[in-house]
Amino acid sequence: MPAAALAQTVDETRAVSSGDVLTPGMVLGSEAAAGREDVLRPGSDQRAVKDITEINPISILAGAAEAIPGLNGAGGGGGEGQARKAPGLSAAMNVVIVLTVLGLVPTIMLMCTCFLRIVIVLSLLKQALGTAQMPPSQVMLGLSLVLSLLVMTPTIDRIRAEAIGPYQRGEIQSYEKLWEASKQPVRDFMFDQIEATGNWSSLYMILNYRGVDTSDPSRLTRADVDMVSLVPAFVLSELKTAFLMGFRIYLPFLVIDMVISALLISMSMMMLPPVLISLPFKLLLFVMVDGWQLVCGSLLTSFVTRAPVAETVAGEASAAAAWLVEPLTRAVQGLSAVVS
């Protein structure tokens, strides 16, 4: 090989090793890549890294917390440096807690209001009628919500008058006082329902489990019972009352099923499902006695909105239940006489 050709080959080899020559499959050299923003370099602020940070959920929550006064740990209006110096929970955790509480609102409505009793009674009524799809579940839930709002209106008015109104006028400054003023009407409502139904045993059971001495109930006051004990006791009381009302609603329709079954057996029509024959009679009976008004009226009158005398309210509750059962029972007796 000539000396000139050998020298040219050596120069090309050095150029390739130094990265000055671009060949297929090779990346840009250091000088060409220095002007590109999408190349990651140690110690630099790249746009790609910034894009990854922007989709971080915690960063998004932190940015949202800065726009909410009082949730950035610095009393509101603080910037990033102020939020770092503030004691307590971070801004992102505050927003997470707020979102969690908002997600529990349906559960709170279910556990601390009259919705539980109403929706159970209406569901049992639907099963007693034997209509699997009618009325639709959305209609039953909507009716339960409307009746619950109607029953809870006095309690909501008390919350607005004793908590929300003073807070808006600046008479209540701290969130602790706002919470105490807001929960007191709800506590009174739950206590009133337990007292009206006489289901104190549920509350005593919860208190005994928590180590509270209930040997002398006269020493206990409402102030001695916190929300942790009151809410489960109220739920148990509502379940017991709802099942009792549902049992009384079931009785007339059970009589119709028994009469229809006896007739089918006497006519040797055992293969015919009794439900097909009893359903029209159930609907006719329910419409004749104005069943929806009776059931909804019984539900509304079964709740009390102020502290009552236990004996008097128990009598009123029994009268309301009798107001529902007696017309249905008389109608069933008349139907049985006609069929026989």
Protein backbone atom coordinates (compact mmCIF):
# COMPACT_ATOMS: atom_id res chain seq x y z
CA MET A 1 0.00 0.00 0.00
CA PRO A 2 1.43 3.44 -0.88
CA ALA A 3 2.45 5.69 1.98
CA ALA A 4 -0.10 8.39 1.01
CA ALA A 5 -3.02 5.91 1.06
CA LEU A 6 -1.86 4.49 4.41
CA ALA A 7 -1.74 7.98 5.94
CA GLN A 8 -5.29 8.76 4.69
CA THR A 9 -6.65 5.53 6.25
CA VAL A 10 -5.05 6.36 9.61
CA ASP A 11 -6.60 9.88 9.55
CA GLU A 12 -10.11 8.47 8.84
CA THR A 13 -9.75 5.99 11.70
CA ARG A 14 -8.81 8.80 14.12
CA ALA A 15 -11.77 10.92 12.93
CA VAL A 16 -14.23 8.09 13.55
CA SER A 17 -12.84 7.43 17.03
CA SER A 18 -13.08 11.12 17.95
CA GLY A 19 -16.79 11.35 16.88
CA ASP A 20 -16.24 14.04 14.25
CA VAL A 21 -17.54 11.91 11.39
CA LEU A 22 -21.22 10.86 11.14
CA THR A 23 -21.81 7.28 10.06
CA PRO A 24 -25.12 5.38 9.64
CA GLY A 25 -26.49 4.15 13.01
CA MET A 26 -24.42 6.60 15.10
CA VAL A 27 -25.85 9.40 17.32
CA LEU A 28 -24.86 13.03 17.25
CA GLY A 29 -21.56 13.97 18.75
CA SER A 30 -21.14 16.09 21.85
CA GLU A 31 -20.89 19.35 19.95
CA ALA A 32 -24.01 18.68 17.83
CA ALA A 33 -26.02 17.42 20.79
CA ALA A 34 -25.08 20.39 22.93
CA GLY A 35 -27.67 22.57 21.21
CA ARG A 36 -30.57 20.10 21.52
CA GLU A 37 -33.07 20.50 24.34
CA ASP A 38 -34.31 16.90 24.29
CA VAL A 39 -30.95 15.37 25.19
CA LEU A 40 -30.62 14.54 28.88
CA ARG A 41 -27.50 15.94 30.50
CA PRO A 42 -26.51 15.58 34.17
CA GLY A 43 -27.25 18.68 36.22
CA SER A 44 -29.43 20.34 33.58
CA ASP A 45 -33.15 21.26 33.61
CA GLN A 46 -34.56 19.29 30.68
CA ARG A 47 -38.06 19.76 29.29
CA ALA A 48 -38.67 16.00 29.24
CA VAL A 49 -38.09 15.77 32.99
CA LYS A 50 -40.41 18.73 33.53
CA ASP A 51 -43.18 17.03 31.52
CA ILE A 52 -42.97 13.96 33.76
CA THR A 53 -43.20 16.13 36.88
CA GLU A 54 -46.30 17.91 35.61
CA ILE A 55 -48.34 14.68 35.51
CA ASN A 56 -47.45 13.75 39.08
CA PRO A 57 -50.76 13.55 41.04
CA ILE A 58 -49.18 14.92 44.21
CA SER A 59 -47.85 17.93 42.31
CA ILE A 60 -51.30 18.55 40.85
CA LEU A 61 -52.87 18.36 44.32
CA ALA A 62 -50.23 20.68 45.72
CA GLY A 63 -50.97 23.24 43.03
CA ALA A 64 -54.68 22.95 43.74
CA ALA A 65 -54.08 23.41 47.47
CA GLU A 66 -52.34 26.73 46.90
CA ALA A 67 -55.58 28.12 45.44
CA ILE A 68 -57.67 27.06 48.47
CA PRO A 69 -57.37 29.45 51.43
CA GLY A 70 -56.53 27.78 54.70
CA LEU A 71 -55.41 24.47 53.19
CA ASN A 72 -51.75 25.21 52.53
CA GLY A 73 -50.72 24.92 56.17
CA ALA A 74 -50.06 28.65 56.45
CA GLY A 75 -53.52 30.09 56.98
CA GLY A 76 -54.23 30.76 53.31
CA GLY A 77 -52.60 32.79 50.61
CA GLY A 78 -49.12 31.39 51.12
CA GLY A 79 -46.75 30.68 48.31
CA GLU A 80 -44.43 27.74 47.83
CA GLY A 81 -41.85 28.89 50.34
CA GLN A 82 -44.47 29.70 52.92
CA ALA A 83 -46.10 26.29 52.49
CA ARG A 84 -42.72 24.60 53.08
CA LYS A 85 -42.16 26.46 56.34
CA ALA A 86 -45.70 25.89 57.65
CA PRO A 87 -46.07 23.25 60.36
CA GLY A 88 -48.47 20.31 60.23
CA LEU A 89 -49.69 18.43 57.17
CA SER A 90 -48.60 19.38 53.69
CA ALA A 91 -50.90 21.13 51.27
CA ALA A 92 -51.30 18.00 49.14
CA MET A 93 -52.33 15.92 52.14
CA ASN A 94 -54.89 18.55 53.14
CA VAL A 95 -56.50 18.32 49.72
CA VAL A 96 -56.47 14.52 49.88
CA ILE A 97 -58.27 14.67 53.24
CA VAL A 98 -60.87 17.11 51.88
CA LEU A 99 -61.54 14.92 48.84
CA THR A 100 -61.86 11.87 51.07
CA VAL A 101 -64.41 13.62 53.28
CA LEU A 102 -66.39 14.69 50.21
CA GLY A 103 -66.39 11.09 49.02
CA LEU A 104 -67.88 10.00 52.35
CA VAL A 105 -70.86 12.35 52.08
CA PRO A 106 -73.20 9.63 50.69
CA THR A 107 -72.20 7.30 53.52
CA ILE A 108 -72.78 10.03 56.10
CA MET A 109 -76.20 10.69 54.59
CA LEU A 110 -77.01 6.99 54.77
CA MET A 111 -75.86 6.53 58.36
CA CYS A 112 -76.98 9.72 60.11
CA THR A 113 -80.34 10.55 58.52
CA CYS A 114 -83.76 8.99 58.04
CA PHE A 115 -82.82 7.68 54.58
CA LEU A 116 -81.90 4.25 55.94
CA ARG A 117 -85.34 3.48 57.37
CA ILE A 118 -87.23 4.85 54.37
CA VAL A 119 -85.28 3.00 51.69
CA ILE A 120 -85.52 -0.32 53.56
CA VAL A 121 -89.28 -0.04 54.07
CA LEU A 122 -89.88 0.87 50.43
CA SER A 123 -87.65 -2.00 49.28
CA LEU A 124 -89.60 -4.45 51.44
CA LEU A 125 -92.83 -3.05 50.03
CA LYS A 126 -91.59 -3.70 46.52
CA GLN A 127 -90.74 -7.29 47.43
CA ALA A 128 -94.10 -7.78 49.15
CA LEU A 129 -95.93 -6.70 46.00
CA GLY A 130 -93.94 -9.26 44.02
CA THR A 131 -92.98 -6.82 41.26
CA ALA A 132 -89.35 -7.47 40.43
CA GLN A 133 -88.79 -4.51 38.11
CA MET A 134 -91.66 -2.13 38.90
CA PRO A 135 -91.32 0.48 40.21
CA PRO A 136 -87.71 0.87 39.01
CA SER A 137 -84.97 1.12 41.61
CA GLN A 138 -84.23 4.69 40.53
CA VAL A 139 -87.81 5.69 41.32
CA MET A 140 -87.67 4.08 44.76
CA LEU A 141 -84.35 5.77 45.54
CA GLY A 142 -85.66 9.11 44.31
CA LEU A 143 -88.77 8.80 46.47
CA SER A 144 -86.58 7.87 49.43
CA LEU A 145 -84.40 10.95 48.88
CA VAL A 146 -87.40 13.27 48.60
CA LEU A 147 -89.01 11.89 51.77
CA SER A 148 -85.65 12.06 53.57
CA LEU A 149 -85.25 15.70 52.59
CA LEU A 150 -88.77 16.40 53.83
CA VAL A 151 -88.10 14.76 57.20
CA MET A 152 -84.65 16.34 57.61
CA THR A 153 -85.77 19.88 56.73
CA PRO A 154 -86.11 21.00 60.39
CA THR A 155 -82.64 19.61 61.14
CA ILE A 156 -81.16 21.35 58.09
CA ASP A 157 -82.81 24.61 59.13
CA ARG A 158 -81.23 24.29 62.58
CA ILE A 159 -77.80 23.72 61.04
CA ARG A 160 -78.20 26.82 58.88
CA ALA A 161 -79.39 28.92 61.82
CA GLU A 162 -76.90 27.67 64.43
CA ALA A 163 -73.78 26.93 62.37
CA ILE A 164 -73.69 28.14 58.77
CA GLY A 165 -75.31 31.53 59.40
CA PRO A 166 -73.04 32.51 62.34
CA TYR A 167 -70.00 31.32 60.40
CA GLN A 168 -70.88 33.48 57.40
CA ARG A 169 -71.44 36.48 59.69
CA GLY A 170 -68.07 35.92 61.36
CA GLU A 171 -69.51 34.96 64.74
CA ILE A 172 -67.80 31.56 64.51
CA GLN A 173 -64.10 31.79 63.71
CA SER A 174 -62.67 28.28 64.14
CA TYR A 175 -63.53 25.11 62.29
CA GLU A 176 -63.82 23.23 65.59
CA LYS A 177 -66.68 25.45 66.76
CA LEU A 178 -68.30 25.20 63.34
CA TRP A 179 -68.18 21.40 63.54
CA GLU A 180 -69.62 21.36 67.05
CA ALA A 181 -72.47 23.66 66.05
CA SER A 182 -73.18 21.66 62.88
CA LYS A 183 -73.27 18.21 64.43
CA GLN A 184 -75.48 19.11 67.41
CA PRO A 185 -78.78 19.16 65.41
CA VAL A 186 -77.87 15.83 63.82
CA ARG A 187 -77.07 14.37 67.24
CA ASP A 188 -80.43 15.56 68.57
CA PHE A 189 -82.21 13.97 65.62
CA MET A 190 -80.52 10.60 66.16
CA PHE A 191 -81.16 10.68 69.90
CA ASP A 192 -84.83 11.53 69.29
CA GLN A 193 -85.33 8.54 67.00
CA ILE A 194 -83.67 6.16 69.47
CA GLU A 195 -85.82 7.53 72.27
CA ALA A 196 -89.02 7.36 70.19
CA THR A 197 -88.48 3.71 69.29
CA GLY A 198 -87.12 2.75 72.72
CA ASN A 199 -84.05 1.05 71.24
CA TRP A 200 -81.67 2.10 74.01
CA SER A 201 -80.27 -1.43 74.21
CA SER A 202 -78.30 -0.83 71.01
CA LEU A 203 -76.66 2.25 72.51
CA TYR A 204 -75.92 0.45 75.78
CA MET A 205 -74.32 -2.41 73.87
CA ILE A 206 -72.01 -0.02 71.99
CA LEU A 207 -71.10 1.82 75.20
CA ASN A 208 -70.36 -1.43 77.02
CA TYR A 209 -68.09 -2.50 74.20
CA ARG A 210 -66.17 0.76 74.55
CA GLY A 211 -65.77 0.27 78.30
CA VAL A 212 -68.42 2.73 79.52
CA ASP A 213 -70.32 1.74 82.65
CA THR A 214 -74.04 1.51 81.84
CA SER A 215 -75.17 -0.19 85.04
CA ASP A 216 -76.96 3.02 86.03
CA PRO A 217 -78.29 4.63 82.81
CA SER A 218 -79.73 7.56 84.77
CA ARG A 219 -76.19 8.89 85.25
CA LEU A 220 -75.53 9.01 81.52
CA THR A 221 -76.40 12.12 79.57
CA ARG A 222 -76.41 12.85 75.87
CA ALA A 223 -73.17 14.76 76.26
CA ASP A 224 -71.46 11.57 77.49
CA VAL A 225 -72.15 9.80 74.18
CA ASP A 226 -69.83 10.72 71.32
CA MET A 227 -70.50 10.30 67.62
CA VAL A 228 -68.44 7.10 67.44
CA SER A 229 -70.95 5.40 69.76
CA LEU A 230 -74.07 7.22 68.62
CA VAL A 231 -73.89 6.51 64.88
CA PRO A 232 -73.75 2.67 65.06
CA ALA A 233 -76.45 2.67 67.76
CA PHE A 234 -78.66 4.83 65.53
CA VAL A 235 -78.08 2.53 62.54
CA LEU A 236 -79.03 -0.56 64.57
CA SER A 237 -82.14 1.19 65.86
CA GLU A 238 -83.19 2.20 62.34
CA LEU A 239 -82.66 -1.32 61.02
CA LYS A 240 -84.83 -2.79 63.76
CA THR A 241 -87.60 -0.25 63.19
CA ALA A 242 -87.49 -0.63 59.40
CA PHE A 243 -87.72 -4.43 59.58
CA LEU A 244 -90.65 -4.20 62.00
CA MET A 245 -92.54 -1.86 59.66
CA GLY A 246 -91.68 -4.09 56.70
CA PHE A 247 -93.08 -7.13 58.53
CA ARG A 248 -96.37 -5.35 59.11
CA ILE A 249 -96.54 -4.37 55.46
CA TYR A 250 -95.86 -7.96 54.40
CA LEU A 251 -98.78 -9.47 56.37
CA PRO A 252 -101.73 -8.49 54.10
CA PHE A 253 -99.90 -9.57 50.96
CA LEU A 254 -98.92 -12.84 52.62
CA VAL A 255 -102.61 -13.52 53.28
CA ILE A 256 -103.38 -12.97 49.59
CA ASP A 257 -100.64 -15.42 48.57
CA MET A 258 -101.98 -18.04 50.98
CA VAL A 259 -105.57 -17.64 49.74
CA ILE A 260 -104.52 -17.88 46.09
CA SER A 261 -102.35 -20.94 46.80
CA ALA A 262 -105.23 -22.68 48.60
CA LEU A 263 -107.56 -21.96 45.69
CA LEU A 264 -105.10 -23.32 43.14
CA ILE A 265 -104.58 -26.49 45.16
CA SER A 266 -108.32 -27.02 45.54
CA MET A 267 -108.72 -26.65 41.78
CA SER A 268 -105.85 -29.10 41.12
CA MET A 269 -103.81 -26.39 39.44
CA MET A 270 -100.58 -26.99 41.37
CA MET A 271 -98.41 -26.39 38.29
CA LEU A 272 -99.63 -22.81 37.90
CA PRO A 273 -97.38 -20.37 39.82
CA PRO A 274 -99.43 -18.58 42.49
CA VAL A 275 -97.49 -15.37 41.87
CA LEU A 276 -99.08 -14.95 38.44
CA ILE A 277 -102.55 -15.02 39.97
CA SER A 278 -101.86 -13.11 43.19
CA LEU A 279 -100.03 -10.16 41.61
CA PRO A 280 -103.13 -8.56 40.02
CA PHE A 281 -105.05 -8.94 43.30
CA LYS A 282 -102.15 -7.37 45.23
CA LEU A 283 -102.01 -4.40 42.89
CA LEU A 284 -105.79 -3.98 43.01
CA LEU A 285 -105.81 -4.12 46.80
CA PHE A 286 -102.87 -1.71 47.07
CA VAL A 287 -104.56 0.83 44.80
CA MET A 288 -107.98 0.49 46.47
CA VAL A 289 -106.61 1.33 49.93
CA ASP A 290 -104.31 4.08 48.52
CA GLY A 291 -101.23 2.17 49.59
CA TRP A 292 -98.63 4.74 48.58
CA GLN A 293 -100.23 7.40 50.73
CA LEU A 294 -100.54 5.00 53.65
CA VAL A 295 -96.94 3.81 53.46
CA CYS A 296 -95.41 7.26 52.94
CA GLY A 297 -97.65 8.79 55.60
CA SER A 298 -96.71 6.07 58.05
CA LEU A 299 -93.02 6.65 57.34
CA LEU A 300 -93.29 10.41 57.81
CA THR A 301 -95.22 10.14 61.08
CA SER A 302 -92.81 7.52 62.44
CA PHE A 303 -90.07 10.15 62.75
CA VAL A 304 -89.88 12.83 65.43
CA THR A 305 -88.02 16.11 65.08
CA ARG A 306 -87.77 17.10 68.73
CA ALA A 307 -87.21 15.37 72.03
CA PRO A 308 -90.47 13.60 72.94
CA VAL A 309 -91.86 11.73 75.91
CA ALA A 310 -91.04 8.09 75.27
CA GLU A 311 -94.47 6.62 76.19
CA THR A 312 -96.42 9.13 74.12
CA VAL A 313 -94.29 8.75 71.00
CA ALA A 314 -94.33 4.96 71.26
CA GLY A 315 -98.13 5.10 71.28
CA GLU A 316 -98.17 7.40 68.26
CA ALA A 317 -95.81 5.13 66.39
CA SER A 318 -98.01 2.11 67.12
CA ALA A 319 -101.09 4.06 65.99
CA ALA A 320 -99.34 4.99 62.74
CA ALA A 321 -98.46 1.34 62.13
CA ALA A 322 -102.07 0.31 62.87
CA TRP A 323 -103.27 3.01 60.45
CA LEU A 324 -101.32 1.18 57.75
CA VAL A 325 -102.19 -2.41 58.64
CA GLU A 326 -105.89 -2.23 59.55
CA PRO A 327 -107.23 -1.04 56.12
CA LEU A 328 -105.19 -3.66 54.32
CA THR A 329 -106.34 -6.37 56.72
CA ARG A 330 -110.00 -5.42 56.28
CA ALA A 331 -109.62 -5.45 52.51
CA VAL A 332 -107.99 -8.89 52.60
CA GLN A 333 -110.79 -10.23 54.79
CA GLY A 334 -113.37 -8.91 52.35
CA LEU A 335 -111.51 -10.45 49.42
CA SER A 336 -111.31 -13.80 51.24
CA ALA A 337 -115.05 -13.73 51.92
CA VAL A 338 -115.80 -13.06 48.26
CA VAL A 339 -113.51 -15.82 47.04
CA SER A 340 -114.86 -18.38 49.52
